[in-house]
PDB file of N, CA and C in Angstrom:
ATOM      1  N   MET A   1      67.898 233.090 165.951  1.00  0.00           N
ATOM      2  CA  MET A   1      68.824 232.361 165.122  1.00  0.00           C
ATOM      3  C   MET A   1      70.104 233.180 164.924  1.00  0.00           C
ATOM      4  N   ALA A   2      69.950 234.476 164.669  1.00  0.00           N
ATOM      5  CA  ALA A   2      71.114 235.341 164.465  1.00  0.00           C
ATOM      6  C   ALA A   2      71.991 235.380 165.707  1.00  0.00           C
ATOM      7  N   GLU A   3      71.365 235.378 166.880  1.00  0.00           N
ATOM      8  CA  GLU A   3      72.131 235.394 168.122  1.00  0.00           C
ATOM      9  C   GLU A   3      72.936 234.109 168.288  1.00  0.00           C
ATOM     10  N   LEU A   4      72.353 232.998 167.921  1.00  0.00           N
ATOM     11  CA  LEU A   4      73.086 231.730 167.993  1.00  0.00           C
ATOM     12  C   LEU A   4      74.290 231.742 167.070  1.00  0.00           C
ATOM     13  N   HIS A   5      74.105 232.234 165.861  1.00  0.00           N
ATOM     14  CA  HIS A   5      75.224 232.324 164.924  1.00  0.00           C
ATOM     15  C   HIS A   5      76.301 233.265 165.454  1.00  0.00           C
ATOM     16  N   ALA A   6      75.905 234.358 166.087  1.00  0.00           N
ATOM     17  CA  ALA A   6      76.866 235.330 166.621  1.00  0.00           C
ATOM     18  C   ALA A   6      77.733 234.716 167.712  1.00  0.00           C
ATOM     19  N   THR A   7      77.193 233.746 168.433  1.00  0.00           N
ATOM     20  CA  THR A   7      77.969 233.105 169.499  1.00  0.00           C
ATOM     21  C   THR A   7      78.853 231.987 168.972  1.00  0.00           C
ATOM     22  N   GLY A   8      78.714 231.694 167.677  1.00  0.00           N
ATOM     23  CA  GLY A   8      79.513 230.627 167.092  1.00  0.00           C
ATOM     24  C   GLY A   8      78.794 229.292 167.050  1.00  0.00           C
ATOM     25  N   ALA A   9      77.566 229.264 167.544  1.00  0.00           N
ATOM     26  CA  ALA A   9      76.782 228.030 167.517  1.00  0.00           C
ATOM     27  C   ALA A   9      76.390 227.697 166.089  1.00  0.00           C
ATOM     28  N   ARG A  10      76.143 226.446 165.845  1.00  0.00           N
ATOM     29  CA  ARG A  10      75.719 225.998 164.520  1.00  0.00           C
ATOM     30  C   ARG A  10      74.390 225.262 164.655  1.00  0.00           C
ATOM     31  N   PRO A  11      73.297 226.019 164.787  1.00  0.00           N
ATOM     32  CA  PRO A  11      71.986 225.386 164.960  1.00  0.00           C
ATOM     33  C   PRO A  11      71.562 224.634 163.702  1.00  0.00           C
ATOM     34  N   ARG A  12      70.645 223.696 163.887  1.00  0.00           N
ATOM     35  CA  ARG A  12      70.131 222.944 162.745  1.00  0.00           C
ATOM     36  C   ARG A  12      69.428 223.880 161.772  1.00  0.00           C
ATOM     37  N   ARG A  13      69.402 223.483 160.534  1.00  0.00           N
ATOM     38  CA  ARG A  13      68.703 224.245 159.508  1.00  0.00           C
ATOM     39  C   ARG A  13      67.205 224.058 159.708  1.00  0.00           C
ATOM     40  N   SER A  14      66.453 225.092 159.388  1.00  0.00           N
ATOM     41  CA  SER A  14      65.001 224.997 159.543  1.00  0.00           C
ATOM     42  C   SER A  14      64.375 224.169 158.426  1.00  0.00           C
ATOM     43  N   ALA A  15      65.002 224.149 157.260  1.00  0.00           N
ATOM     44  CA  ALA A  15      64.491 223.365 156.136  1.00  0.00           C
ATOM     45  C   ALA A  15      65.181 222.008 156.110  1.00  0.00           C
ATOM     46  N   ILE A  16      64.422 220.963 155.862  1.00  0.00           N
ATOM     47  CA  ILE A  16      65.023 219.635 155.776  1.00  0.00           C
ATOM     48  C   ILE A  16      65.016 219.099 154.349  1.00  0.00           C
ATOM     49  N   THR A  17      64.314 219.797 153.461  1.00  0.00           N
ATOM     50  CA  THR A  17      64.346 219.452 152.040  1.00  0.00           C
ATOM     51  C   THR A  17      64.420 220.733 151.230  1.00  0.00           C
ATOM     52  N   GLY A  18      64.797 220.578 149.978  1.00  0.00           N
ATOM     53  CA  GLY A  18      64.905 221.731 149.095  1.00  0.00           C
ATOM     54  C   GLY A  18      66.274 222.372 149.151  1.00  0.00           C
ATOM     55  N   VAL A  19      66.472 223.361 148.328  1.00  0.00           N
ATOM     56  CA  VAL A  19      67.775 224.026 148.224  1.00  0.00           C
ATOM     57  C   VAL A  19      68.187 224.677 149.548  1.00  0.00           C
ATOM     58  N   ASP A  20      67.221 225.209 150.295  1.00  0.00           N
ATOM     59  CA  ASP A  20      67.546 225.850 151.574  1.00  0.00           C
ATOM     60  C   ASP A  20      68.091 224.864 152.595  1.00  0.00           C
ATOM     61  N   ALA A  21      67.862 223.581 152.395  1.00  0.00           N
ATOM     62  CA  ALA A  21      68.357 222.562 153.321  1.00  0.00           C
ATOM     63  C   ALA A  21      69.811 222.184 153.040  1.00  0.00           C
ATOM     64  N   LEU A  22      70.336 222.569 151.887  1.00  0.00           N
ATOM     65  CA  LEU A  22      71.709 222.214 151.539  1.00  0.00           C
ATOM     66  C   LEU A  22      72.707 222.973 152.402  1.00  0.00           C
ATOM     67  N   THR A  23      73.740 222.264 152.838  1.00  0.00           N
ATOM     68  CA  THR A  23      74.836 222.919 153.551  1.00  0.00           C
ATOM     69  C   THR A  23      75.649 223.698 152.520  1.00  0.00           C
ATOM     70  N   PRO A  24      76.486 224.623 152.967  1.00  0.00           N
ATOM     71  CA  PRO A  24      77.313 225.359 151.997  1.00  0.00           C
ATOM     72  C   PRO A  24      78.165 224.440 151.118  1.00  0.00           C
ATOM     73  N   THR A  25      78.710 223.378 151.687  1.00  0.00           N
ATOM     74  CA  THR A  25      79.525 222.454 150.893  1.00  0.00           C
ATOM     75  C   THR A  25      78.670 221.678 149.907  1.00  0.00           C
ATOM     76  N   GLU A  26      77.496 221.234 150.336  1.00  0.00           N
ATOM     77  CA  GLU A  26      76.594 220.540 149.417  1.00  0.00           C
ATOM     78  C   GLU A  26      76.210 221.452 148.264  1.00  0.00           C
ATOM     79  N   ARG A  27      75.972 222.708 148.550  1.00  0.00           N
ATOM     80  CA  ARG A  27      75.602 223.661 147.496  1.00  0.00           C
ATOM     81  C   ARG A  27      76.759 223.859 146.522  1.00  0.00           C
ATOM     82  N   ARG A  28      77.993 223.948 147.036  1.00  0.00           N
ATOM     83  CA  ARG A  28      79.147 224.101 146.144  1.00  0.00           C
ATOM     84  C   ARG A  28      79.294 222.884 145.234  1.00  0.00           C
ATOM     85  N   VAL A  29      79.149 221.689 145.808  1.00  0.00           N
ATOM     86  CA  VAL A  29      79.233 220.464 145.003  1.00  0.00           C
ATOM     87  C   VAL A  29      78.122 220.461 143.964  1.00  0.00           C
ATOM     88  N   ALA A  30      76.906 220.782 144.370  1.00  0.00           N
ATOM     89  CA  ALA A  30      75.774 220.808 143.442  1.00  0.00           C
ATOM     90  C   ALA A  30      76.019 221.809 142.312  1.00  0.00           C
ATOM     91  N   ASP A  31      76.540 222.976 142.637  1.00  0.00           N
ATOM     92  CA  ASP A  31      76.808 223.995 141.617  1.00  0.00           C
ATOM     93  C   ASP A  31      77.841 223.508 140.601  1.00  0.00           C
ATOM     94  N   LEU A  32      78.897 222.855 141.083  1.00  0.00           N
ATOM     95  CA  LEU A  32      79.932 222.351 140.178  1.00  0.00           C
ATOM     96  C   LEU A  32      79.389 221.258 139.266  1.00  0.00           C
ATOM     97  N   VAL A  33      78.624 220.347 139.835  1.00  0.00           N
ATOM     98  CA  VAL A  33      78.046 219.263 139.040  1.00  0.00           C
ATOM     99  C   VAL A  33      77.026 219.816 138.049  1.00  0.00           C
ATOM    100  N   ALA A  34      76.264 220.813 138.468  1.00  0.00           N
ATOM    101  CA  ALA A  34      75.288 221.435 137.570  1.00  0.00           C
ATOM    102  C   ALA A  34      75.979 222.097 136.378  1.00  0.00           C
ATOM    103  N   ARG A  35      77.210 222.553 136.580  1.00  0.00           N
ATOM    104  CA  ARG A  35      77.976 223.156 135.481  1.00  0.00           C
ATOM    105  C   ARG A  35      78.575 222.106 134.553  1.00  0.00           C
ATOM    106  N   GLY A  36      78.391 220.824 134.891  1.00  0.00           N
ATOM    107  CA  GLY A  36      78.866 219.759 134.021  1.00  0.00           C
ATOM    108  C   GLY A  36      80.155 219.095 134.447  1.00  0.00           C
ATOM    109  N   LEU A  37      80.697 219.451 135.601  1.00  0.00           N
ATOM    110  CA  LEU A  37      81.929 218.831 136.063  1.00  0.00           C
ATOM    111  C   LEU A  37      81.663 217.404 136.527  1.00  0.00           C
ATOM    112  N   SER A  38      82.635 216.544 136.309  1.00  0.00           N
ATOM    113  CA  SER A  38      82.541 215.171 136.808  1.00  0.00           C
ATOM    114  C   SER A  38      82.827 215.185 138.311  1.00  0.00           C
ATOM    115  N   ASN A  39      82.584 214.058 138.962  1.00  0.00           N
ATOM    116  CA  ASN A  39      82.891 213.964 140.390  1.00  0.00           C
ATOM    117  C   ASN A  39      84.375 214.225 140.634  1.00  0.00           C
ATOM    118  N   ARG A  40      85.222 213.670 139.784  1.00  0.00           N
ATOM    119  CA  ARG A  40      86.667 213.851 139.932  1.00  0.00           C
ATOM    120  C   ARG A  40      87.056 215.329 139.775  1.00  0.00           C
ATOM    121  N   GLU A  41      86.484 215.984 138.768  1.00  0.00           N
ATOM    122  CA  GLU A  41      86.785 217.405 138.545  1.00  0.00           C
ATOM    123  C   GLU A  41      86.284 218.261 139.710  1.00  0.00           C
ATOM    124  N   ALA A  42      85.098 217.951 140.218  1.00  0.00           N
ATOM    125  CA  ALA A  42      84.566 218.690 141.364  1.00  0.00           C
ATOM    126  C   ALA A  42      85.466 218.487 142.579  1.00  0.00           C
ATOM    127  N   ALA A  43      85.914 217.264 142.786  1.00  0.00           N
ATOM    128  CA  ALA A  43      86.797 216.962 143.915  1.00  0.00           C
ATOM    129  C   ALA A  43      88.103 217.743 143.808  1.00  0.00           C
ATOM    130  N   GLN A  44      88.667 217.783 142.624  1.00  0.00           N
ATOM    131  CA  GLN A  44      89.911 218.530 142.425  1.00  0.00           C
ATOM    132  C   GLN A  44      89.696 220.018 142.671  1.00  0.00           C
ATOM    133  N   GLY A  45      88.579 220.547 142.213  1.00  0.00           N
ATOM    134  CA  GLY A  45      88.287 221.966 142.397  1.00  0.00           C
ATOM    135  C   GLY A  45      88.065 222.346 143.851  1.00  0.00           C
ATOM    136  N   LEU A  46      87.559 221.399 144.638  1.00  0.00           N
ATOM    137  CA  LEU A  46      87.294 221.664 146.058  1.00  0.00           C
ATOM    138  C   LEU A  46      88.402 221.154 146.972  1.00  0.00           C
ATOM    139  N   PHE A  47      89.407 220.497 146.396  1.00  0.00           N
ATOM    140  CA  PHE A  47      90.513 219.928 147.157  1.00  0.00           C
ATOM    141  C   PHE A  47      90.032 218.902 148.181  1.00  0.00           C
ATOM    142  N   VAL A  48      89.132 218.029 147.720  1.00  0.00           N
ATOM    143  CA  VAL A  48      88.623 216.933 148.542  1.00  0.00           C
ATOM    144  C   VAL A  48      88.711 215.652 147.728  1.00  0.00           C
ATOM    145  N   THR A  49      88.371 214.526 148.341  1.00  0.00           N
ATOM    146  CA  THR A  49      88.395 213.258 147.626  1.00  0.00           C
ATOM    147  C   THR A  49      87.121 213.076 146.805  1.00  0.00           C
ATOM    148  N   VAL A  50      87.188 212.183 145.833  1.00  0.00           N
ATOM    149  CA  VAL A  50      86.016 211.864 145.032  1.00  0.00           C
ATOM    150  C   VAL A  50      84.929 211.290 145.938  1.00  0.00           C
ATOM    151  N   ARG A  51      85.318 210.489 146.897  1.00  0.00           N
ATOM    152  CA  ARG A  51      84.341 209.908 147.831  1.00  0.00           C
ATOM    153  C   ARG A  51      83.596 211.001 148.595  1.00  0.00           C
ATOM    154  N   THR A  52      84.277 212.074 148.962  1.00  0.00           N
ATOM    155  CA  THR A  52      83.626 213.183 149.655  1.00  0.00           C
ATOM    156  C   THR A  52      82.577 213.828 148.755  1.00  0.00           C
ATOM    157  N   VAL A  53      82.906 214.012 147.496  1.00  0.00           N
ATOM    158  CA  VAL A  53      81.941 214.568 146.542  1.00  0.00           C
ATOM    159  C   VAL A  53      80.745 213.628 146.420  1.00  0.00           C
ATOM    160  N   GLU A  54      80.997 212.329 146.324  1.00  0.00           N
ATOM    161  CA  GLU A  54      79.914 211.351 146.219  1.00  0.00           C
ATOM    162  C   GLU A  54      79.010 211.407 147.452  1.00  0.00           C
ATOM    163  N   PHE A  55      79.609 211.540 148.624  1.00  0.00           N
ATOM    164  CA  PHE A  55      78.852 211.637 149.873  1.00  0.00           C
ATOM    165  C   PHE A  55      77.925 212.859 149.839  1.00  0.00           C
ATOM    166  N   HIS A  56      78.472 214.005 149.457  1.00  0.00           N
ATOM    167  CA  HIS A  56      77.676 215.228 149.404  1.00  0.00           C
ATOM    168  C   HIS A  56      76.603 215.157 148.322  1.00  0.00           C
ATOM    169  N   LEU A  57      76.914 214.528 147.199  1.00  0.00           N
ATOM    170  CA  LEU A  57      75.905 214.382 146.144  1.00  0.00           C
ATOM    171  C   LEU A  57      74.742 213.527 146.619  1.00  0.00           C
ATOM    172  N   GLY A  58      75.019 212.507 147.404  1.00  0.00           N
ATOM    173  CA  GLY A  58      73.943 211.690 147.962  1.00  0.00           C
ATOM    174  C   GLY A  58      72.991 212.529 148.793  1.00  0.00           C
ATOM    175  N   ALA A  59      73.559 213.417 149.606  1.00  0.00           N
ATOM    176  CA  ALA A  59      72.734 214.308 150.428  1.00  0.00           C
ATOM    177  C   ALA A  59      71.960 215.292 149.544  1.00  0.00           C
ATOM    178  N   VAL A  60      72.596 215.784 148.492  1.00  0.00           N
ATOM    179  CA  VAL A  60      71.933 216.704 147.560  1.00  0.00           C
ATOM    180  C   VAL A  60      70.734 216.018 146.913  1.00  0.00           C
ATOM    181  N   PHE A  61      70.931 214.785 146.457  1.00  0.00           N
ATOM    182  CA  PHE A  61      69.830 214.040 145.837  1.00  0.00           C
ATOM    183  C   PHE A  61      68.664 213.882 146.803  1.00  0.00           C
ATOM    184  N   ARG A  62      68.955 213.492 148.039  1.00  0.00           N
ATOM    185  CA  ARG A  62      67.892 213.313 149.041  1.00  0.00           C
ATOM    186  C   ARG A  62      67.169 214.611 149.332  1.00  0.00           C
ATOM    187  N   LYS A  63      67.920 215.663 149.575  1.00  0.00           N
ATOM    188  CA  LYS A  63      67.320 216.939 149.968  1.00  0.00           C
ATOM    189  C   LYS A  63      66.538 217.602 148.831  1.00  0.00           C
ATOM    190  N   LEU A  64      66.986 217.406 147.601  1.00  0.00           N
ATOM    191  CA  LEU A  64      66.295 218.012 146.466  1.00  0.00           C
ATOM    192  C   LEU A  64      65.234 217.085 145.883  1.00  0.00           C
ATOM    193  N   GLY A  65      65.189 215.849 146.356  1.00  0.00           N
ATOM    194  CA  GLY A  65      64.191 214.903 145.866  1.00  0.00           C
ATOM    195  C   GLY A  65      64.394 214.524 144.412  1.00  0.00           C
ATOM    196  N   ILE A  66      65.662 214.370 144.037  1.00  0.00           N
ATOM    197  CA  ILE A  66      65.986 214.016 142.656  1.00  0.00           C
ATOM    198  C   ILE A  66      66.728 212.688 142.638  1.00  0.00           C
ATOM    199  N   ALA A  67      66.845 212.104 141.430  1.00  0.00           N
ATOM    200  CA  ALA A  67      67.460 210.788 141.319  1.00  0.00           C
ATOM    201  C   ALA A  67      68.738 210.770 140.487  1.00  0.00           C
ATOM    202  N   SER A  68      69.040 211.858 139.793  1.00  0.00           N
ATOM    203  CA  SER A  68      70.249 211.848 138.965  1.00  0.00           C
ATOM    204  C   SER A  68      70.884 213.232 138.904  1.00  0.00           C
ATOM    205  N   ARG A  69      72.141 213.233 138.538  1.00  0.00           N
ATOM    206  CA  ARG A  69      72.897 214.485 138.469  1.00  0.00           C
ATOM    207  C   ARG A  69      72.376 215.409 137.374  1.00  0.00           C
ATOM    208  N   THR A  70      71.721 214.858 136.366  1.00  0.00           N
ATOM    209  CA  THR A  70      71.181 215.695 135.298  1.00  0.00           C
ATOM    210  C   THR A  70      70.026 216.571 135.785  1.00  0.00           C
ATOM    211  N   GLU A  71      69.427 216.224 136.915  1.00  0.00           N
ATOM    212  CA  GLU A  71      68.316 216.993 137.468  1.00  0.00           C
ATOM    213  C   GLU A  71      68.773 218.124 138.397  1.00  0.00           C
ATOM    214  N   ILE A  72      70.037 218.130 138.767  1.00  0.00           N
ATOM    215  CA  ILE A  72      70.530 219.119 139.726  1.00  0.00           C
ATOM    216  C   ILE A  72      70.382 220.539 139.197  1.00  0.00           C
ATOM    217  N   SER A  73      70.809 220.768 137.975  1.00  0.00           N
ATOM    218  CA  SER A  73      70.746 222.122 137.405  1.00  0.00           C
ATOM    219  C   SER A  73      69.329 222.669 137.431  1.00  0.00           C
ATOM    220  N   GLN A  74      68.372 221.863 136.997  1.00  0.00           N
ATOM    221  CA  GLN A  74      66.983 222.294 136.962  1.00  0.00           C
ATOM    222  C   GLN A  74      66.460 222.577 138.377  1.00  0.00           C
ATOM    223  N   ALA A  75      66.817 221.732 139.336  1.00  0.00           N
ATOM    224  CA  ALA A  75      66.342 221.927 140.713  1.00  0.00           C
ATOM    225  C   ALA A  75      66.920 223.216 141.305  1.00  0.00           C
ATOM    226  N   LEU A  76      68.176 223.520 141.019  1.00  0.00           N
ATOM    227  CA  LEU A  76      68.804 224.742 141.528  1.00  0.00           C
ATOM    228  C   LEU A  76      68.190 225.984 140.868  1.00  0.00           C
ATOM    229  N   LYS A  77      67.955 225.918 139.574  1.00  0.00           N
ATOM    230  CA  LYS A  77      67.371 227.052 138.854  1.00  0.00           C
ATOM    231  C   LYS A  77      65.958 227.336 139.349  1.00  0.00           C
ATOM    232  N   ALA A  78      65.176 226.291 139.572  1.00  0.00           N
ATOM    233  CA  ALA A  78      63.811 226.450 140.037  1.00  0.00           C
ATOM    234  C   ALA A  78      63.776 227.134 141.402  1.00  0.00           C
ATOM    235  N   ALA A  79      64.746 226.826 142.244  1.00  0.00           N
ATOM    236  CA  ALA A  79      64.782 227.403 143.582  1.00  0.00           C
ATOM    237  C   ALA A  79      65.257 228.855 143.562  1.00  0.00           C
ATOM    238  N   ASP A  80      66.073 229.208 142.579  1.00  0.00           N
ATOM    239  CA  ASP A  80      66.602 230.564 142.509  1.00  0.00           C
ATOM    240  C   ASP A  80      65.618 231.547 141.928  1.00  0.00           C
ATOM    241  N   HIS A  81      64.525 231.066 141.347  1.00  0.00           N
ATOM    242  CA  HIS A  81      63.528 231.974 140.761  1.00  0.00           C
ATOM    243  C   HIS A  81      62.422 232.234 141.713  1.00  0.00           C
TER     244      HIS A  81
END
């Protein structure tokens, strides 16, 4: 895997669910929302559109197996311990 990254390749992630399955952008969006930012505030902080944040949040919900933004903080904390 390290050799692929060294060549600039972007291989698929080994995890398909859970925090390890999140892309770096999905993780940034999840972290901002977990801190209490609205979609609009997260979008402004990342210099993207609100729709982009919504798209990434959808992926976060699927990968973390959660149904609402209020569950994001708990799911991230559980994975970090």
